Amino acid sequence: MTQDIGNVAVAQGFEMLSTALANKQQKMEGQMAMQLLQGAAQPAAPSPVGNLGNNIDIKV
């Protein structure tokens, strides 16, 4: 009987460890996904300074 209780306690310990490791892995994957998305984001084009080059007339 006491051996059965010990086996249940060990099984629950392994289950908790497995849950903690899975949670940690999910957090790391989420961080990696966010880093990938941030790295892929295109920076906004800077607005032109002054009037030079804003108006270009092309005649064909």
C-alpha atoms as a PDB file:
ATOM      1  CA  MET A   1       0.000   0.000   0.000  1.00  0.00           C
ATOM      2  CA  THR A   2       2.729   2.484   0.906  1.00  0.00           C
ATOM      3  CA  GLN A   3       4.590   1.559  -2.255  1.00  0.00           C
ATOM      4  CA  ASP A   4       1.494   2.431  -4.306  1.00  0.00           C
ATOM      5  CA  ILE A   5       1.286   5.833  -2.610  1.00  0.00           C
ATOM      6  CA  GLY A   6       4.967   6.418  -3.358  1.00  0.00           C
ATOM      7  CA  ASN A   7       4.488   5.483  -6.994  1.00  0.00           C
ATOM      8  CA  VAL A   8       1.557   7.890  -7.292  1.00  0.00           C
ATOM      9  CA  ALA A   9       3.622  10.670  -5.731  1.00  0.00           C
ATOM     10  CA  VAL A  10       6.494  10.017  -8.143  1.00  0.00           C
ATOM     11  CA  ALA A  11       4.113   9.966 -11.104  1.00  0.00           C
ATOM     12  CA  GLN A  12       2.591  13.270 -10.008  1.00  0.00           C
ATOM     13  CA  GLY A  13       6.052  14.754  -9.605  1.00  0.00           C
ATOM     14  CA  PHE A  14       6.971  13.745 -13.151  1.00  0.00           C
ATOM     15  CA  GLU A  15       3.670  15.145 -14.401  1.00  0.00           C
ATOM     16  CA  MET A  16       4.366  18.505 -12.750  1.00  0.00           C
ATOM     17  CA  LEU A  17       7.896  18.563 -14.153  1.00  0.00           C
ATOM     18  CA  SER A  18       6.595  17.769 -17.620  1.00  0.00           C
ATOM     19  CA  THR A  19       3.988  20.539 -17.369  1.00  0.00           C
ATOM     20  CA  ALA A  20       6.599  23.059 -16.223  1.00  0.00           C
ATOM     21  CA  LEU A  21       8.955  22.137 -19.075  1.00  0.00           C
ATOM     22  CA  ALA A  22       6.154  22.378 -21.641  1.00  0.00           C
ATOM     23  CA  ASN A  23       5.166  25.794 -20.295  1.00  0.00           C
ATOM     24  CA  LYS A  24       8.765  27.013 -20.471  1.00  0.00           C
ATOM     25  CA  GLN A  25       9.092  25.741 -24.044  1.00  0.00           C
ATOM     26  CA  GLN A  26       5.885  27.509 -25.097  1.00  0.00           C
ATOM     27  CA  LYS A  27       7.140  30.777 -23.624  1.00  0.00           C
ATOM     28  CA  MET A  28      10.467  30.446 -25.446  1.00  0.00           C
ATOM     29  CA  GLU A  29       8.709  29.675 -28.748  1.00  0.00           C
ATOM     30  CA  GLY A  30       6.484  32.717 -28.244  1.00  0.00           C
ATOM     31  CA  GLN A  31       9.514  34.934 -27.634  1.00  0.00           C
ATOM     32  CA  MET A  32      11.241  33.566 -30.726  1.00  0.00           C
ATOM     33  CA  ALA A  33       8.133  34.193 -32.833  1.00  0.00           C
ATOM     34  CA  MET A  34       7.912  37.776 -31.587  1.00  0.00           C
ATOM     35  CA  GLN A  35      11.592  38.364 -32.374  1.00  0.00           C
ATOM     36  CA  LEU A  36      11.066  36.964 -35.854  1.00  0.00           C
ATOM     37  CA  LEU A  37       8.072  39.229 -36.445  1.00  0.00           C
ATOM     38  CA  GLN A  38       9.908  42.284 -35.142  1.00  0.00           C
ATOM     39  CA  GLY A  39      12.892  41.511 -37.349  1.00  0.00           C
ATOM     40  CA  ALA A  40      10.689  41.134 -40.412  1.00  0.00           C
ATOM     41  CA  ALA A  41       8.827  44.407 -39.868  1.00  0.00           C
ATOM     42  CA  GLN A  42       9.818  47.014 -42.411  1.00  0.00           C
ATOM     43  CA  PRO A  43      10.796  50.382 -40.959  1.00  0.00           C
ATOM     44  CA  ALA A  44       8.707  53.301 -42.152  1.00  0.00           C
ATOM     45  CA  ALA A  45      10.240  55.329 -44.974  1.00  0.00           C
ATOM     46  CA  PRO A  46      11.508  58.686 -43.773  1.00  0.00           C
ATOM     47  CA  SER A  47       9.554  61.688 -44.944  1.00  0.00           C
ATOM     48  CA  PRO A  48      11.364  63.974 -47.403  1.00  0.00           C
ATOM     49  CA  VAL A  49      13.136  67.010 -46.033  1.00  0.00           C
ATOM     50  CA  GLY A  50      12.544  70.312 -47.840  1.00  0.00           C
ATOM     51  CA  ASN A  51      11.050  70.798 -51.294  1.00  0.00           C
ATOM     52  CA  LEU A  52      13.864  69.424 -53.393  1.00  0.00           C
ATOM     53  CA  GLY A  53      12.788  66.342 -55.362  1.00  0.00           C
ATOM     54  CA  ASN A  54       9.163  66.304 -54.198  1.00  0.00           C
ATOM     55  CA  ASN A  55       7.748  67.272 -57.604  1.00  0.00           C
ATOM     56  CA  ILE A  56       9.149  65.565 -60.659  1.00  0.00           C
ATOM     57  CA  ASP A  57       7.736  66.390 -64.113  1.00  0.00           C
ATOM     58  CA  ILE A  58       8.148  63.641 -66.679  1.00  0.00           C
ATOM     59  CA  LYS A  59       7.005  64.273 -70.252  1.00  0.00           C
ATOM     60  CA  VAL A  60       6.967  61.487 -72.773  1.00  0.00           C
END
